[in-house]
N, C-alpha and C. Protein backbone atom coordinates (compact mmCIF):
# COMPACT_ATOMS: atom_id res chain seq x y z
N MET A 1 -5.66 89.65 90.50
CA MET A 1 -5.10 90.06 89.49
C MET A 1 -5.51 91.06 88.87
N PRO A 2 -4.92 91.95 88.62
CA PRO A 2 -5.42 93.72 88.31
C PRO A 2 -6.05 93.88 86.68
N LYS A 3 -7.11 94.64 86.28
CA LYS A 3 -8.00 94.61 85.35
C LYS A 3 -7.05 94.78 83.97
N SER A 4 -5.82 95.74 84.11
CA SER A 4 -4.84 96.28 83.04
C SER A 4 -4.03 94.60 82.18
N SER A 5 -3.76 93.77 83.21
CA SER A 5 -3.41 92.44 83.17
C SER A 5 -4.59 90.96 82.25
N LEU A 6 -5.76 91.81 82.97
CA LEU A 6 -6.83 90.04 82.60
C LEU A 6 -7.13 90.92 81.15
N THR A 7 -6.62 92.37 80.85
CA THR A 7 -7.17 92.59 79.32
C THR A 7 -6.16 92.63 78.59
N PHE A 8 -4.93 91.86 79.24
CA PHE A 8 -3.73 92.06 77.86
C PHE A 8 -3.93 90.84 78.08
N ILE A 9 -4.41 88.98 78.91
CA ILE A 9 -3.97 88.32 78.60
C ILE A 9 -5.36 87.87 77.57
N LEU A 10 -6.17 88.55 77.66
CA LEU A 10 -7.86 87.87 77.32
C LEU A 10 -7.67 88.39 76.05
N ASN A 11 -6.47 89.88 75.51
CA ASN A 11 -6.00 89.87 73.76
C ASN A 11 -5.20 88.81 73.10
N TYR A 12 -3.71 88.77 74.21
CA TYR A 12 -3.43 87.36 73.47
C TYR A 12 -3.99 86.43 73.41
N CYS A 13 -5.21 85.71 74.13
CA CYS A 13 -5.35 84.63 73.62
C CYS A 13 -6.56 84.69 71.66
N ILE A 14 -7.47 86.20 72.72
CA ILE A 14 -7.53 86.22 70.94
C ILE A 14 -6.91 86.31 69.87
N PHE A 15 -5.68 87.05 70.15
CA PHE A 15 -4.61 87.30 69.15
C PHE A 15 -4.68 85.18 68.38
N LEU A 16 -4.09 84.79 69.35
CA LEU A 16 -3.30 83.45 69.42
C LEU A 16 -4.67 82.67 69.19
N ILE A 17 -6.18 82.92 68.92
CA ILE A 17 -7.13 81.62 68.71
C ILE A 17 -7.34 82.39 66.89
N ALA A 18 -7.01 83.08 66.28
CA ALA A 18 -7.03 84.67 65.24
C ALA A 18 -5.75 83.41 64.04
N THR A 19 -5.22 83.78 64.64
CA THR A 19 -3.44 83.46 63.91
C THR A 19 -3.71 82.05 63.31
N GLY A 20 -4.17 81.37 64.67
CA GLY A 20 -4.33 80.20 64.47
C GLY A 20 -5.86 79.51 63.36
N ILE A 21 -6.86 80.10 63.80
CA ILE A 21 -7.57 79.77 62.66
C ILE A 21 -7.14 80.62 60.95
N THR A 22 -6.93 81.32 61.39
CA THR A 22 -6.44 82.12 59.76
C THR A 22 -5.21 81.21 59.32
N GLY A 23 -3.88 81.16 60.43
CA GLY A 23 -2.18 81.21 59.91
C GLY A 23 -2.81 80.08 58.09
N CYS A 24 -3.08 79.10 58.93
CA CYS A 24 -2.83 77.77 58.26
C CYS A 24 -3.95 76.86 58.09
N SER A 25 -5.05 77.91 56.68
CA SER A 25 -6.35 77.91 56.82
C SER A 25 -6.56 77.19 54.80
N GLU A 26 -7.84 76.92 54.75
CA GLU A 26 -7.64 76.14 53.31
C GLU A 26 -7.60 77.16 52.59
N LYS A 27 -8.42 78.41 52.87
CA LYS A 27 -8.15 79.77 52.20
C LYS A 27 -7.28 80.67 51.73
N SER A 28 -6.08 79.80 52.30
CA SER A 28 -5.20 80.54 51.75
C SER A 28 -4.40 80.78 50.90
N GLU A 29 -4.54 82.14 50.14
CA GLU A 29 -3.23 82.16 49.07
C GLU A 29 -2.50 81.24 48.10
N THR A 30 -2.65 80.17 47.15
CA THR A 30 -1.63 79.68 46.59
C THR A 30 -0.80 79.90 45.96
N ARG A 31 0.45 80.39 46.66
CA ARG A 31 1.80 80.40 45.55
C ARG A 31 2.44 79.70 44.68
N PRO A 32 3.19 80.35 43.62
CA PRO A 32 3.86 78.67 43.54
C PRO A 32 5.39 79.22 44.52
N PRO A 33 5.75 77.31 44.58
CA PRO A 33 7.52 77.17 45.07
C PRO A 33 8.00 78.07 45.14
N LEU A 34 8.67 78.27 46.55
CA LEU A 34 10.09 79.45 45.91
C LEU A 34 10.82 78.86 45.60
N LYS A 35 12.31 79.04 45.19
CA LYS A 35 12.79 78.49 44.60
C LYS A 35 14.02 79.24 45.70
N VAL A 36 15.17 77.69 46.14
CA VAL A 36 15.84 78.66 46.92
C VAL A 36 17.27 77.35 46.49
N GLU A 37 17.89 78.24 46.46
CA GLU A 37 19.91 77.99 46.38
C GLU A 37 20.23 76.59 47.44
N PRO A 38 20.76 76.24 47.56
CA PRO A 38 21.73 75.36 48.96
C PRO A 38 22.32 76.26 49.35
N HIS A 39 21.86 77.37 50.57
CA HIS A 39 23.09 77.70 50.91
C HIS A 39 24.39 76.89 51.54
N SER A 40 24.66 76.24 52.42
CA SER A 40 25.55 75.09 53.15
C SER A 40 27.21 75.83 51.93
N PRO A 41 28.05 75.95 52.69
CA PRO A 41 28.82 76.16 52.55
C PRO A 41 29.76 74.70 51.94
N ALA A 42 30.96 75.50 51.69
CA ALA A 42 31.57 74.52 50.08
C ALA A 42 32.76 74.00 51.34
N PRO A 43 33.05 72.30 51.14
CA PRO A 43 33.90 72.18 52.27
C PRO A 43 35.53 72.65 51.79
N LEU A 44 36.02 73.17 52.63
CA LEU A 44 37.41 73.01 52.54
C LEU A 44 37.86 71.97 51.48
N GLU A 45 38.98 72.41 50.26
CA GLU A 45 39.60 71.20 49.78
C GLU A 45 40.88 70.17 50.67
N GLY A 46 40.60 69.30 50.61
CA GLY A 46 41.35 68.04 51.25
C GLY A 46 40.83 67.89 52.90
N ALA A 47 39.72 68.62 53.25
CA ALA A 47 39.02 67.94 55.00
C ALA A 47 37.94 67.72 54.56
N THR A 48 38.11 66.14 55.13
CA THR A 48 36.88 65.83 55.33
C THR A 48 35.81 66.30 56.29
N PRO A 49 34.25 65.62 56.14
CA PRO A 49 33.41 66.13 57.01
C PRO A 49 33.50 66.13 57.71
N GLU A 50 33.10 66.42 59.07
CA GLU A 50 32.82 65.77 60.83
C GLU A 50 31.04 64.92 59.77
N PRO A 51 31.54 63.58 60.79
CA PRO A 51 29.90 63.22 61.16
C PRO A 51 28.98 63.69 61.81
N VAL A 52 27.77 63.26 61.94
CA VAL A 52 26.79 63.86 62.42
C VAL A 52 26.65 62.96 62.72
N VAL A 53 26.77 63.35 64.70
CA VAL A 53 26.15 62.19 65.80
C VAL A 53 24.90 62.68 65.61
N VAL A 54 24.11 62.19 66.14
CA VAL A 54 22.41 61.95 67.07
C VAL A 54 22.98 61.85 68.05
N THR A 55 22.44 63.00 69.11
CA THR A 55 23.11 63.14 70.82
C THR A 55 21.42 63.07 70.92
N GLU A 56 21.41 63.08 72.49
CA GLU A 56 20.35 63.28 73.68
C GLU A 56 20.73 64.45 73.54
N LYS A 57 20.80 65.11 72.77
CA LYS A 57 20.74 66.76 72.86
C LYS A 57 19.97 66.70 71.54
N THR A 58 20.13 66.33 70.66
CA THR A 58 19.21 65.92 68.69
C THR A 58 17.75 65.94 69.92
N ARG A 59 17.88 64.43 70.39
CA ARG A 59 16.43 64.12 70.45
C ARG A 59 15.37 65.29 71.16
N GLU A 60 16.45 65.68 72.04
CA GLU A 60 15.60 67.36 73.32
C GLU A 60 14.57 67.79 72.26
N THR A 61 16.04 68.98 71.39
CA THR A 61 15.79 69.85 70.64
C THR A 61 14.71 68.62 69.60
N TYR A 62 14.27 68.23 69.61
CA TYR A 62 13.16 67.03 68.69
C TYR A 62 11.97 67.65 69.33
N GLN A 63 12.19 67.23 70.74
CA GLN A 63 11.20 66.77 71.89
C GLN A 63 10.60 68.70 71.62
N TRP A 64 11.12 69.65 71.50
CA TRP A 64 11.24 70.71 71.88
C TRP A 64 10.32 71.47 71.03
N TYR A 65 11.10 71.68 69.44
CA TYR A 65 10.11 72.13 68.57
C TYR A 65 9.46 71.70 67.53
N CYS A 66 9.68 69.50 67.33
CA CYS A 66 9.00 69.09 66.67
C CYS A 66 8.03 68.51 66.58
N VAL A 67 8.01 67.85 67.72
CA VAL A 67 6.51 67.27 68.15
C VAL A 67 5.01 67.86 67.96
N GLN A 68 5.13 68.95 68.61
CA GLN A 68 3.45 69.50 68.33
C GLN A 68 2.86 68.98 67.57
N CYS A 69 4.31 69.24 66.70
CA CYS A 69 2.81 69.23 64.46
C CYS A 69 3.19 67.37 64.60
N HIS A 70 4.89 67.16 64.77
CA HIS A 70 4.97 65.85 63.71
C HIS A 70 4.38 64.61 65.54
N GLY A 71 4.63 64.77 66.25
CA GLY A 71 4.55 64.09 67.12
C GLY A 71 5.90 63.35 68.58
N ILE A 72 5.68 62.70 69.58
CA ILE A 72 6.21 62.12 69.86
C ILE A 72 7.53 61.87 69.51
N GLN A 73 6.75 60.35 68.88
CA GLN A 73 7.69 59.40 67.50
C GLN A 73 7.56 60.14 66.36
N GLY A 74 7.29 60.62 66.23
CA GLY A 74 7.41 61.69 64.62
C GLY A 74 6.26 61.01 63.97
N LYS A 75 5.18 60.31 63.75
CA LYS A 75 4.40 59.62 63.37
C LYS A 75 2.79 60.61 62.57
N GLY A 76 3.52 62.12 63.16
CA GLY A 76 3.16 62.66 62.28
C GLY A 76 0.84 63.55 63.50
N ASP A 77 1.33 62.72 64.77
CA ASP A 77 0.77 62.96 65.77
C ASP A 77 0.56 63.48 66.50
N GLY A 78 1.17 64.77 66.22
CA GLY A 78 1.58 65.86 67.95
C GLY A 78 -0.14 66.23 67.38
N ILE A 79 0.33 67.04 68.90
CA ILE A 79 -0.91 67.62 69.59
C ILE A 79 -1.01 69.08 68.53
N ASN A 80 -0.95 69.30 67.64
CA ASN A 80 -1.54 70.33 66.65
C ASN A 80 -2.05 70.77 65.40
N ALA A 81 -1.44 68.84 64.85
CA ALA A 81 -1.27 68.20 63.29
C ALA A 81 -2.44 67.84 63.39
N ARG A 82 -3.59 67.58 64.47
CA ARG A 82 -5.53 67.71 63.77
C ARG A 82 -6.00 69.27 63.32
N PHE A 83 -5.01 70.58 63.83
CA PHE A 83 -5.32 71.83 63.27
C PHE A 83 -5.27 72.26 61.96
N LEU A 84 -4.24 72.17 61.54
CA LEU A 84 -3.70 71.90 60.48
C LEU A 84 -4.04 71.26 58.72
N THR A 85 -4.62 72.18 58.12
CA THR A 85 -5.36 71.42 56.87
C THR A 85 -4.33 70.77 56.08
N VAL A 86 -2.70 70.80 56.77
CA VAL A 86 -1.84 70.19 55.56
C VAL A 86 -1.64 68.77 56.73
N PRO A 87 -1.62 67.38 56.57
CA PRO A 87 -0.64 66.62 57.84
C PRO A 87 0.30 67.10 57.84
N PRO A 88 1.11 66.92 59.50
CA PRO A 88 2.33 66.89 59.20
C PRO A 88 3.54 65.42 58.63
N ARG A 89 4.05 65.70 58.42
CA ARG A 89 4.92 64.22 57.66
C ARG A 89 5.13 63.08 59.14
N ASN A 90 4.21 62.05 58.64
CA ASN A 90 5.05 61.33 59.14
C ASN A 90 6.13 60.76 59.23
N HIS A 91 7.27 61.17 59.92
CA HIS A 91 8.39 60.32 59.84
C HIS A 91 9.03 58.37 60.30
N ASN A 92 8.01 58.34 60.22
CA ASN A 92 8.50 57.11 60.63
C ASN A 92 7.99 55.72 59.31
N LYS A 93 7.79 57.13 57.97
CA LYS A 93 7.22 55.63 56.67
C LYS A 93 8.95 56.19 56.07
N ALA A 94 9.45 55.01 55.73
CA ALA A 94 10.51 55.11 55.00
C ALA A 94 10.60 55.41 53.48
N LYS A 95 9.01 54.02 53.43
CA LYS A 95 8.65 54.25 51.88
C LYS A 95 9.09 56.01 51.07
N TYR A 96 8.75 56.91 51.82
CA TYR A 96 8.63 58.12 51.35
C TYR A 96 9.24 58.87 51.68
N LEU A 97 10.12 59.18 53.26
CA LEU A 97 11.50 59.56 53.04
C LEU A 97 12.56 59.28 52.29
N GLU A 98 12.83 57.83 52.08
CA GLU A 98 13.56 57.27 51.40
C GLU A 98 13.84 58.80 49.01
N THR A 99 12.78 58.74 49.64
CA THR A 99 13.06 59.33 47.85
C THR A 99 13.25 60.42 48.41
N ARG A 100 13.60 61.39 49.06
CA ARG A 100 14.43 62.45 50.37
C ARG A 100 15.70 62.66 50.09
N THR A 101 15.80 63.05 49.79
CA THR A 101 17.96 63.59 50.26
C THR A 101 18.12 64.52 51.68
N ASP A 102 19.55 64.57 51.47
CA ASP A 102 19.05 64.48 53.05
C ASP A 102 19.76 66.53 53.34
N GLU A 103 19.61 67.35 51.79
CA GLU A 103 19.57 68.49 51.64
C GLU A 103 17.97 68.79 50.93
N GLN A 104 17.47 67.98 50.57
CA GLN A 104 15.94 68.25 51.16
C GLN A 104 15.03 69.14 52.44
N PHE A 105 15.62 67.35 52.87
CA PHE A 105 15.12 68.12 54.12
C PHE A 105 15.80 68.45 55.53
N PHE A 106 17.19 69.63 55.17
CA PHE A 106 17.42 70.53 55.37
C PHE A 106 17.03 71.88 55.22
N GLU A 107 16.89 71.84 53.77
CA GLU A 107 15.97 73.04 53.38
C GLU A 107 14.38 73.03 54.34
N ALA A 108 14.02 72.15 53.81
CA ALA A 108 12.79 72.55 54.58
C ALA A 108 12.86 72.34 55.87
N ILE A 109 13.78 72.07 56.76
CA ILE A 109 13.97 72.52 58.19
C ILE A 109 13.73 74.12 58.36
N LYS A 110 15.44 74.41 57.36
CA LYS A 110 15.77 75.59 57.89
C LYS A 110 15.28 77.21 57.30
N PHE A 111 13.84 76.55 55.86
CA PHE A 111 13.61 77.69 55.46
C PHE A 111 11.98 77.66 55.09
N GLY A 112 11.61 76.19 55.68
CA GLY A 112 10.24 76.37 55.85
C GLY A 112 9.64 75.08 54.59
N GLY A 113 8.27 74.43 55.17
CA GLY A 113 7.67 73.80 53.97
C GLY A 113 7.67 74.30 52.90
N LEU A 114 7.73 75.83 53.03
CA LEU A 114 7.08 76.82 51.75
C LEU A 114 7.90 76.25 50.27
N SER A 115 9.10 76.72 51.42
CA SER A 115 11.05 76.44 50.52
C SER A 115 10.95 75.87 49.06
N VAL A 116 10.52 74.52 49.88
CA VAL A 116 10.23 73.64 48.79
C VAL A 116 8.97 72.67 48.47
N GLY A 117 8.33 73.29 48.09
CA GLY A 117 7.36 73.61 47.41
C GLY A 117 6.36 72.50 48.82
N ARG A 118 6.13 72.45 49.65
CA ARG A 118 5.86 71.21 50.98
C ARG A 118 4.53 71.99 51.68
N ALA A 119 4.65 72.17 52.31
CA ALA A 119 3.33 72.58 53.56
C ALA A 119 3.30 74.27 54.29
N PRO A 120 2.97 75.22 53.76
CA PRO A 120 3.34 76.05 53.99
C PRO A 120 3.15 76.25 55.69
N CYS A 121 2.71 75.99 56.38
CA CYS A 121 2.25 75.46 58.24
C CYS A 121 3.44 75.23 58.41
N MET A 122 4.13 75.07 57.67
CA MET A 122 5.77 74.33 59.05
C MET A 122 6.53 75.50 58.60
N PRO A 123 7.46 75.73 59.49
CA PRO A 123 8.00 76.90 59.93
C PRO A 123 9.45 77.12 59.53
N ALA A 124 9.74 78.14 59.43
CA ALA A 124 11.16 78.08 58.97
C ALA A 124 12.31 77.98 59.93
N TRP A 125 13.37 77.29 60.55
CA TRP A 125 13.81 77.32 61.77
C TRP A 125 15.75 78.17 61.25
N GLY A 126 15.70 78.30 60.60
CA GLY A 126 17.28 79.16 59.61
C GLY A 126 18.01 79.63 61.35
N ASN A 127 16.46 80.60 61.79
CA ASN A 127 16.63 81.97 62.81
C ASN A 127 16.98 81.51 63.91
N THR A 128 16.60 80.14 64.20
CA THR A 128 16.39 80.00 65.39
C THR A 128 17.47 78.86 66.16
N LEU A 129 17.73 77.67 64.92
CA LEU A 129 18.83 76.68 65.07
C LEU A 129 19.93 76.52 63.90
N SER A 130 21.03 76.43 64.39
CA SER A 130 22.33 76.13 64.03
C SER A 130 21.52 75.08 62.63
N ASP A 131 23.25 75.90 61.69
CA ASP A 131 22.74 74.73 60.47
C ASP A 131 23.34 73.44 61.26
N SER A 132 23.99 73.24 61.80
CA SER A 132 24.66 72.47 62.10
C SER A 132 23.37 71.18 63.27
N THR A 133 22.88 71.79 64.04
CA THR A 133 21.29 71.94 64.76
C THR A 133 20.34 70.64 63.54
N ILE A 134 20.39 71.41 62.64
CA ILE A 134 19.30 70.88 61.73
C ILE A 134 19.84 69.65 61.31
N HIS A 135 21.57 69.62 61.23
CA HIS A 135 22.08 68.30 60.44
C HIS A 135 21.83 67.25 61.32
N GLU A 136 21.91 67.62 62.34
CA GLU A 136 21.78 66.28 63.27
C GLU A 136 20.27 66.33 63.55
N LEU A 137 18.95 66.88 62.93
CA LEU A 137 17.82 66.57 63.30
C LEU A 137 17.70 66.20 61.88
N VAL A 138 17.92 66.22 60.67
CA VAL A 138 18.02 65.65 59.52
C VAL A 138 18.62 64.02 60.02
N HIS A 139 19.37 63.65 60.47
CA HIS A 139 19.92 62.18 60.71
C HIS A 139 18.81 61.71 61.61
N TYR A 140 18.32 62.63 62.56
CA TYR A 140 17.27 61.85 63.51
C TYR A 140 16.11 61.32 63.09
N ILE A 141 15.70 61.92 61.99
CA ILE A 141 15.10 61.66 61.50
C ILE A 141 15.03 60.26 60.46
N ARG A 142 15.61 60.34 59.59
CA ARG A 142 16.65 59.34 58.62
C ARG A 142 16.63 57.64 60.22
N GLU A 143 16.89 58.02 61.42
CA GLU A 143 15.98 57.19 62.31
C GLU A 143 15.71 57.06 62.86
N LEU A 144 14.89 58.19 63.14
CA LEU A 144 13.13 57.28 63.24
C LEU A 144 12.09 56.10 62.08
N CYS A 145 12.44 56.94 61.22
CA CYS A 145 12.71 56.05 60.22
C CYS A 145 13.39 54.62 59.26
N GLN A 146 14.01 54.46 60.18
CA GLN A 146 14.42 53.57 59.20
C GLN A 146 15.44 53.40 58.45
N CYS A 147 15.72 54.07 57.67
CA CYS A 147 15.29 54.90 56.06
C CYS A 147 17.17 55.49 56.11
N GLU A 148 17.70 55.35 54.37
CA GLU A 148 18.74 55.64 53.82
C GLU A 148 18.19 57.14 52.91
N ALA A 149 19.29 58.16 53.08
CA ALA A 149 18.80 59.29 51.53
C ALA A 149 19.08 58.87 50.85
N LEU A 150 18.27 59.44 49.96
CA LEU A 150 18.16 59.16 47.83
C LEU A 150 19.49 59.27 47.14
C-alpha cells in the first residue's frame, strides 16, 4: 500500500477518534434549548391526510440510521450507546413515550435532539431523510413501544 494511503487512513482514524471523544463529552457547553417552530405544511382544505404505513423499507431505514445508538430492537443498547454521555432513548418504554406527541418525535428526528431540549448527540436527519420517511419512523417507534401518542 502506498505511503500516502496509509497516512490518509491514519489521519482519518485519528479524526474519528478525536470526534468521538469530544463530540458528546460531558465537558460540552450547556446551552438553552433552541425554539423550533413546526415546519409541517398546512393540509389542503377538505383533503384527508394519507395514513402513514410502517413498511419493510421503514424498518430497514431504522436499521440503517438508528440502531447504532438505539439498538436493533430499539432498547437504547446500540453499539454506540456506551460512548454517549446521554443514553439513547429506549423505544420500548411506553410509559415515557406515551407522554410525547408524534410532532415532538418528528422534530427530534428532523432537527436533532438539541432542538427539542433533549440529547445533543441525537443528530438532525432532516437533510438526509424526507418528511414522509421521518413520519414513518415515528409510527415505527410507536410500534416498538406499543403505545399511542399523547
